[in-house]
N, C-alpha and C. Protein backbone atom coordinates (compact mmCIF):
# COMPACT_ATOMS: atom_id res chain seq x y z
N MET A 1 -22.27 -22.40 -50.78
CA MET A 1 -23.69 -22.34 -51.01
C MET A 1 -24.04 -20.89 -51.35
N GLU A 2 -24.79 -20.69 -52.41
CA GLU A 2 -25.20 -19.33 -52.78
C GLU A 2 -26.45 -18.96 -51.99
N VAL A 3 -26.36 -17.87 -51.26
CA VAL A 3 -27.47 -17.39 -50.43
C VAL A 3 -27.70 -15.92 -50.76
N VAL A 4 -28.97 -15.57 -51.00
CA VAL A 4 -29.32 -14.20 -51.34
C VAL A 4 -30.38 -13.72 -50.35
N ARG A 5 -30.19 -12.50 -49.87
CA ARG A 5 -31.18 -11.90 -48.96
C ARG A 5 -32.13 -11.03 -49.76
N ARG A 6 -33.43 -11.21 -49.53
CA ARG A 6 -34.42 -10.31 -50.13
C ARG A 6 -34.28 -8.93 -49.50
N ALA A 7 -34.64 -7.91 -50.25
CA ALA A 7 -34.44 -6.53 -49.80
C ALA A 7 -35.31 -6.15 -48.61
N LEU A 8 -36.52 -6.65 -48.54
CA LEU A 8 -37.45 -6.24 -47.48
C LEU A 8 -37.23 -7.02 -46.20
N THR A 9 -37.80 -6.49 -45.12
CA THR A 9 -37.88 -7.21 -43.86
C THR A 9 -39.32 -7.70 -43.74
N TYR A 10 -39.49 -8.92 -43.26
CA TYR A 10 -40.80 -9.54 -43.21
C TYR A 10 -41.27 -9.73 -41.78
N ALA A 11 -42.58 -9.86 -41.60
CA ALA A 11 -43.17 -10.07 -40.29
C ALA A 11 -44.20 -11.18 -40.36
N TYR A 12 -44.22 -12.00 -39.32
CA TYR A 12 -45.25 -13.02 -39.17
C TYR A 12 -46.47 -12.36 -38.53
N VAL A 13 -47.61 -12.54 -39.15
CA VAL A 13 -48.87 -11.98 -38.66
C VAL A 13 -49.91 -13.09 -38.67
N GLN A 14 -50.64 -13.23 -37.58
CA GLN A 14 -51.72 -14.22 -37.55
C GLN A 14 -53.05 -13.48 -37.57
N VAL A 15 -53.92 -13.88 -38.51
CA VAL A 15 -55.24 -13.26 -38.65
C VAL A 15 -56.30 -14.35 -38.67
N PRO A 16 -57.55 -13.99 -38.35
CA PRO A 16 -58.64 -14.95 -38.51
C PRO A 16 -58.75 -15.36 -39.98
N ASP A 17 -59.16 -16.57 -40.23
CA ASP A 17 -59.24 -17.08 -41.60
C ASP A 17 -60.01 -16.16 -42.53
N GLU A 18 -61.10 -15.56 -42.04
CA GLU A 18 -61.94 -14.72 -42.91
C GLU A 18 -61.23 -13.43 -43.33
N GLN A 19 -60.16 -13.03 -42.67
CA GLN A 19 -59.40 -11.83 -43.05
C GLN A 19 -58.23 -12.15 -43.99
N ALA A 20 -57.88 -13.40 -44.09
CA ALA A 20 -56.67 -13.79 -44.85
C ALA A 20 -56.77 -13.45 -46.33
N SER A 21 -57.92 -13.62 -46.93
CA SER A 21 -58.04 -13.41 -48.38
C SER A 21 -57.70 -11.98 -48.79
N ALA A 22 -57.90 -11.02 -47.90
CA ALA A 22 -57.58 -9.63 -48.21
C ALA A 22 -56.08 -9.42 -48.37
N TRP A 23 -55.29 -10.35 -47.87
CA TRP A 23 -53.83 -10.20 -47.90
C TRP A 23 -53.13 -11.10 -48.90
N LEU A 24 -53.88 -11.89 -49.64
CA LEU A 24 -53.24 -12.86 -50.54
C LEU A 24 -52.36 -12.22 -51.61
N GLY A 25 -52.68 -11.03 -52.06
CA GLY A 25 -51.85 -10.37 -53.06
C GLY A 25 -50.60 -9.74 -52.49
N VAL A 26 -50.53 -9.62 -51.17
CA VAL A 26 -49.40 -8.98 -50.50
C VAL A 26 -48.51 -10.00 -49.80
N ALA A 27 -49.12 -11.05 -49.27
CA ALA A 27 -48.39 -12.03 -48.47
C ALA A 27 -47.36 -12.79 -49.32
N ALA A 28 -46.18 -12.95 -48.74
CA ALA A 28 -45.13 -13.73 -49.40
C ALA A 28 -45.32 -15.22 -49.13
N ALA A 29 -46.02 -15.54 -48.05
CA ALA A 29 -46.33 -16.94 -47.72
C ALA A 29 -47.58 -16.94 -46.85
N VAL A 30 -48.32 -18.04 -46.94
CA VAL A 30 -49.55 -18.20 -46.18
C VAL A 30 -49.57 -19.62 -45.61
N VAL A 31 -49.86 -19.72 -44.31
CA VAL A 31 -49.98 -21.03 -43.67
C VAL A 31 -51.29 -21.04 -42.90
N ARG A 32 -52.16 -21.95 -43.24
CA ARG A 32 -53.45 -22.05 -42.55
C ARG A 32 -53.31 -23.06 -41.41
N GLU A 33 -53.71 -22.62 -40.22
CA GLU A 33 -53.62 -23.46 -39.03
C GLU A 33 -54.96 -23.43 -38.32
N ASP A 34 -55.17 -24.33 -37.37
CA ASP A 34 -56.42 -24.36 -36.62
C ASP A 34 -56.67 -23.04 -35.89
N GLU A 35 -55.60 -22.38 -35.45
CA GLU A 35 -55.74 -21.16 -34.67
C GLU A 35 -55.97 -19.91 -35.52
N GLY A 36 -55.83 -20.03 -36.82
CA GLY A 36 -55.97 -18.89 -37.72
C GLY A 36 -54.99 -19.02 -38.87
N THR A 37 -54.88 -17.99 -39.67
CA THR A 37 -53.98 -18.01 -40.82
C THR A 37 -52.76 -17.16 -40.52
N THR A 38 -51.60 -17.75 -40.73
CA THR A 38 -50.35 -17.03 -40.55
C THR A 38 -49.93 -16.48 -41.90
N LEU A 39 -49.67 -15.17 -41.93
CA LEU A 39 -49.22 -14.50 -43.15
C LEU A 39 -47.78 -14.05 -42.94
N LEU A 40 -46.99 -14.18 -43.96
CA LEU A 40 -45.65 -13.60 -43.94
C LEU A 40 -45.73 -12.37 -44.84
N LEU A 41 -45.74 -11.20 -44.20
CA LEU A 41 -45.94 -9.94 -44.90
C LEU A 41 -44.69 -9.08 -44.83
N PRO A 42 -44.49 -8.22 -45.83
CA PRO A 42 -43.48 -7.19 -45.64
C PRO A 42 -43.84 -6.43 -44.36
N ARG A 43 -42.87 -6.24 -43.48
CA ARG A 43 -43.14 -5.61 -42.19
C ARG A 43 -43.79 -4.24 -42.36
N ILE A 44 -43.37 -3.49 -43.35
CA ILE A 44 -43.93 -2.16 -43.58
C ILE A 44 -45.43 -2.22 -43.84
N ASP A 45 -45.88 -3.25 -44.57
CA ASP A 45 -47.31 -3.41 -44.84
C ASP A 45 -48.07 -3.78 -43.58
N ALA A 46 -47.49 -4.65 -42.77
CA ALA A 46 -48.15 -5.03 -41.51
C ALA A 46 -48.30 -3.81 -40.60
N GLU A 47 -47.24 -3.00 -40.54
CA GLU A 47 -47.30 -1.81 -39.68
C GLU A 47 -48.30 -0.79 -40.19
N ARG A 48 -48.31 -0.56 -41.51
CA ARG A 48 -49.26 0.41 -42.09
C ARG A 48 -50.70 0.01 -41.83
N ALA A 49 -50.95 -1.31 -41.82
CA ALA A 49 -52.31 -1.81 -41.59
C ALA A 49 -52.64 -1.91 -40.10
N GLY A 50 -51.67 -1.65 -39.24
CA GLY A 50 -51.90 -1.75 -37.80
C GLY A 50 -52.03 -3.18 -37.32
N LEU A 51 -51.48 -4.11 -38.06
CA LEU A 51 -51.55 -5.52 -37.67
C LEU A 51 -50.43 -5.84 -36.68
N PRO A 52 -50.77 -6.50 -35.59
CA PRO A 52 -49.71 -6.90 -34.65
C PRO A 52 -48.89 -8.02 -35.28
N TRP A 53 -47.58 -7.85 -35.26
CA TRP A 53 -46.71 -8.87 -35.84
C TRP A 53 -45.85 -9.48 -34.75
N GLN A 54 -45.37 -10.71 -35.03
CA GLN A 54 -44.71 -11.48 -33.99
C GLN A 54 -43.20 -11.63 -34.15
N PHE A 55 -42.70 -11.50 -35.36
CA PHE A 55 -41.30 -11.86 -35.59
C PHE A 55 -40.80 -11.07 -36.79
N GLU A 56 -39.74 -10.30 -36.62
CA GLU A 56 -39.15 -9.54 -37.73
C GLU A 56 -38.06 -10.39 -38.36
N ALA A 57 -38.25 -10.72 -39.62
CA ALA A 57 -37.37 -11.68 -40.27
C ALA A 57 -36.71 -11.14 -41.53
N ALA A 58 -35.49 -11.60 -41.72
CA ALA A 58 -34.82 -11.44 -43.00
C ALA A 58 -35.09 -12.71 -43.78
N TRP A 59 -35.38 -12.58 -45.06
CA TRP A 59 -35.70 -13.72 -45.92
C TRP A 59 -34.47 -14.04 -46.75
N LEU A 60 -33.92 -15.22 -46.53
CA LEU A 60 -32.74 -15.68 -47.26
C LEU A 60 -33.16 -16.79 -48.22
N THR A 61 -32.72 -16.71 -49.44
CA THR A 61 -33.00 -17.75 -50.43
C THR A 61 -31.72 -18.50 -50.73
N VAL A 62 -31.79 -19.81 -50.61
CA VAL A 62 -30.66 -20.67 -50.94
C VAL A 62 -30.81 -21.02 -52.42
N ARG A 63 -29.87 -20.57 -53.22
CA ARG A 63 -30.00 -20.69 -54.68
C ARG A 63 -29.71 -22.07 -55.23
N ALA A 64 -29.26 -23.00 -54.42
CA ALA A 64 -29.05 -24.36 -54.90
C ALA A 64 -30.42 -24.94 -55.24
N VAL A 65 -30.51 -25.58 -56.39
CA VAL A 65 -31.77 -26.21 -56.77
C VAL A 65 -31.86 -27.55 -56.04
N THR A 66 -32.88 -27.67 -55.20
CA THR A 66 -33.08 -28.90 -54.45
C THR A 66 -34.45 -29.47 -54.77
N GLY A 67 -34.54 -30.77 -54.75
CA GLY A 67 -35.82 -31.42 -55.00
C GLY A 67 -36.62 -31.54 -53.73
N LEU A 68 -37.92 -31.50 -53.86
CA LEU A 68 -38.78 -31.58 -52.69
C LEU A 68 -38.69 -32.94 -51.99
N ALA A 69 -38.23 -33.97 -52.69
CA ALA A 69 -38.12 -35.29 -52.09
C ALA A 69 -36.72 -35.58 -51.54
N GLU A 70 -35.81 -34.61 -51.66
CA GLU A 70 -34.46 -34.83 -51.13
C GLU A 70 -34.51 -34.91 -49.61
N VAL A 71 -33.66 -35.75 -49.06
CA VAL A 71 -33.63 -35.96 -47.63
C VAL A 71 -32.55 -35.08 -46.99
N GLY A 72 -32.92 -34.38 -45.92
CA GLY A 72 -31.95 -33.68 -45.11
C GLY A 72 -31.66 -32.24 -45.44
N VAL A 73 -32.28 -31.68 -46.47
CA VAL A 73 -31.98 -30.29 -46.85
C VAL A 73 -32.37 -29.34 -45.73
N THR A 74 -33.61 -29.43 -45.27
CA THR A 74 -34.09 -28.56 -44.21
C THR A 74 -33.27 -28.77 -42.94
N ALA A 75 -33.00 -30.02 -42.62
CA ALA A 75 -32.23 -30.33 -41.41
C ALA A 75 -30.83 -29.73 -41.49
N ARG A 76 -30.22 -29.80 -42.64
CA ARG A 76 -28.86 -29.26 -42.79
C ARG A 76 -28.85 -27.75 -42.62
N LEU A 77 -29.80 -27.07 -43.23
CA LEU A 77 -29.87 -25.62 -43.09
C LEU A 77 -30.11 -25.23 -41.64
N ALA A 78 -31.10 -25.87 -41.02
CA ALA A 78 -31.44 -25.54 -39.64
C ALA A 78 -30.30 -25.88 -38.69
N ALA A 79 -29.67 -27.02 -38.87
CA ALA A 79 -28.57 -27.43 -37.98
C ALA A 79 -27.37 -26.50 -38.12
N THR A 80 -27.07 -26.10 -39.34
CA THR A 80 -25.94 -25.19 -39.57
C THR A 80 -26.17 -23.87 -38.84
N LEU A 81 -27.38 -23.34 -38.95
CA LEU A 81 -27.69 -22.09 -38.27
C LEU A 81 -27.79 -22.28 -36.76
N ALA A 82 -28.33 -23.40 -36.32
CA ALA A 82 -28.43 -23.67 -34.88
C ALA A 82 -27.04 -23.72 -34.24
N GLU A 83 -26.09 -24.33 -34.92
CA GLU A 83 -24.72 -24.38 -34.40
C GLU A 83 -24.14 -22.99 -34.22
N ALA A 84 -24.59 -22.04 -35.04
CA ALA A 84 -24.12 -20.66 -34.94
C ALA A 84 -25.01 -19.83 -34.01
N GLY A 85 -26.03 -20.46 -33.42
CA GLY A 85 -26.92 -19.75 -32.51
C GLY A 85 -27.94 -18.85 -33.19
N VAL A 86 -28.26 -19.15 -34.45
CA VAL A 86 -29.22 -18.34 -35.21
C VAL A 86 -30.52 -19.12 -35.36
N PRO A 87 -31.64 -18.60 -34.83
CA PRO A 87 -32.93 -19.25 -35.04
C PRO A 87 -33.28 -19.24 -36.53
N ALA A 88 -33.94 -20.29 -36.99
CA ALA A 88 -34.28 -20.38 -38.41
C ALA A 88 -35.65 -21.01 -38.59
N ASN A 89 -36.42 -20.43 -39.51
CA ASN A 89 -37.69 -20.99 -39.95
C ASN A 89 -37.52 -21.25 -41.44
N VAL A 90 -37.68 -22.49 -41.85
CA VAL A 90 -37.38 -22.88 -43.23
C VAL A 90 -38.67 -23.11 -44.00
N LEU A 91 -38.72 -22.54 -45.22
CA LEU A 91 -39.83 -22.77 -46.16
C LEU A 91 -39.23 -23.42 -47.40
N ALA A 92 -39.92 -24.39 -47.94
CA ALA A 92 -39.46 -25.01 -49.17
C ALA A 92 -40.37 -24.59 -50.31
N GLY A 93 -39.78 -24.06 -51.36
CA GLY A 93 -40.51 -23.78 -52.59
C GLY A 93 -40.22 -24.89 -53.57
N ALA A 94 -40.85 -24.86 -54.72
CA ALA A 94 -40.62 -25.89 -55.72
C ALA A 94 -39.20 -25.84 -56.28
N SER A 95 -38.57 -24.67 -56.27
CA SER A 95 -37.23 -24.53 -56.84
C SER A 95 -36.13 -24.31 -55.82
N HIS A 96 -36.45 -23.66 -54.71
CA HIS A 96 -35.40 -23.31 -53.74
C HIS A 96 -35.92 -23.45 -52.32
N ASP A 97 -34.98 -23.49 -51.40
CA ASP A 97 -35.32 -23.43 -49.98
C ASP A 97 -35.11 -22.00 -49.51
N HIS A 98 -35.93 -21.59 -48.57
CA HIS A 98 -35.90 -20.23 -48.06
C HIS A 98 -35.80 -20.30 -46.54
N VAL A 99 -34.99 -19.45 -45.96
CA VAL A 99 -34.78 -19.45 -44.53
C VAL A 99 -35.11 -18.07 -43.99
N LEU A 100 -35.96 -18.03 -42.99
CA LEU A 100 -36.31 -16.78 -42.32
C LEU A 100 -35.58 -16.75 -40.99
N VAL A 101 -34.76 -15.73 -40.82
CA VAL A 101 -33.95 -15.58 -39.62
C VAL A 101 -34.24 -14.22 -39.00
N PRO A 102 -33.97 -14.05 -37.70
CA PRO A 102 -34.16 -12.72 -37.13
C PRO A 102 -33.39 -11.68 -37.96
N ALA A 103 -34.05 -10.57 -38.24
CA ALA A 103 -33.43 -9.54 -39.08
C ALA A 103 -32.07 -9.10 -38.54
N ALA A 104 -31.93 -9.04 -37.23
CA ALA A 104 -30.67 -8.63 -36.63
C ALA A 104 -29.54 -9.63 -36.89
N ASP A 105 -29.87 -10.87 -37.21
CA ASP A 105 -28.87 -11.92 -37.45
C ASP A 105 -28.63 -12.20 -38.93
N ALA A 106 -29.21 -11.39 -39.81
CA ALA A 106 -29.19 -11.70 -41.24
C ALA A 106 -27.78 -11.83 -41.82
N GLU A 107 -26.93 -10.86 -41.56
CA GLU A 107 -25.59 -10.90 -42.14
C GLU A 107 -24.81 -12.12 -41.65
N ARG A 108 -24.91 -12.40 -40.38
CA ARG A 108 -24.21 -13.58 -39.83
C ARG A 108 -24.77 -14.87 -40.42
N ALA A 109 -26.09 -14.95 -40.57
CA ALA A 109 -26.70 -16.15 -41.14
C ALA A 109 -26.26 -16.37 -42.58
N VAL A 110 -26.20 -15.30 -43.36
CA VAL A 110 -25.73 -15.42 -44.75
C VAL A 110 -24.30 -15.94 -44.76
N ALA A 111 -23.44 -15.38 -43.93
CA ALA A 111 -22.04 -15.81 -43.89
C ALA A 111 -21.92 -17.28 -43.48
N VAL A 112 -22.70 -17.69 -42.50
CA VAL A 112 -22.65 -19.08 -42.03
C VAL A 112 -23.09 -20.03 -43.13
N LEU A 113 -24.18 -19.70 -43.80
CA LEU A 113 -24.68 -20.59 -44.86
C LEU A 113 -23.74 -20.60 -46.07
N ARG A 114 -23.15 -19.48 -46.41
CA ARG A 114 -22.23 -19.44 -47.53
C ARG A 114 -20.98 -20.27 -47.28
N ALA A 115 -20.64 -20.45 -46.02
CA ALA A 115 -19.44 -21.22 -45.66
C ALA A 115 -19.65 -22.73 -45.75
N VAL A 116 -20.90 -23.15 -45.92
CA VAL A 116 -21.22 -24.59 -45.99
C VAL A 116 -20.77 -25.17 -47.31
């Protein structure tokens, strides 16, 4: 499996909905929830803005083209990493699946996924 790590380190930041629009040009991902809006920001941007962040992540992109209706892609990625003891948060894009893992586990996660 071809897996590529993005150069930056990312951070999960939760902000009130009314503050989210200010970050839309910077955020790599946005999830709106009842409790507020979760932004996936480059960690450096979160720190510069003084935003409290919750999780420092390496962003891994799985280069295999998968369809959004395929069964088991997310489960396979998560299970493979879980067996190796690596926490994973999976995002699906229209063209690829993306896995956010603790930055400290990035190299091991890449190796584990490449071995699949």
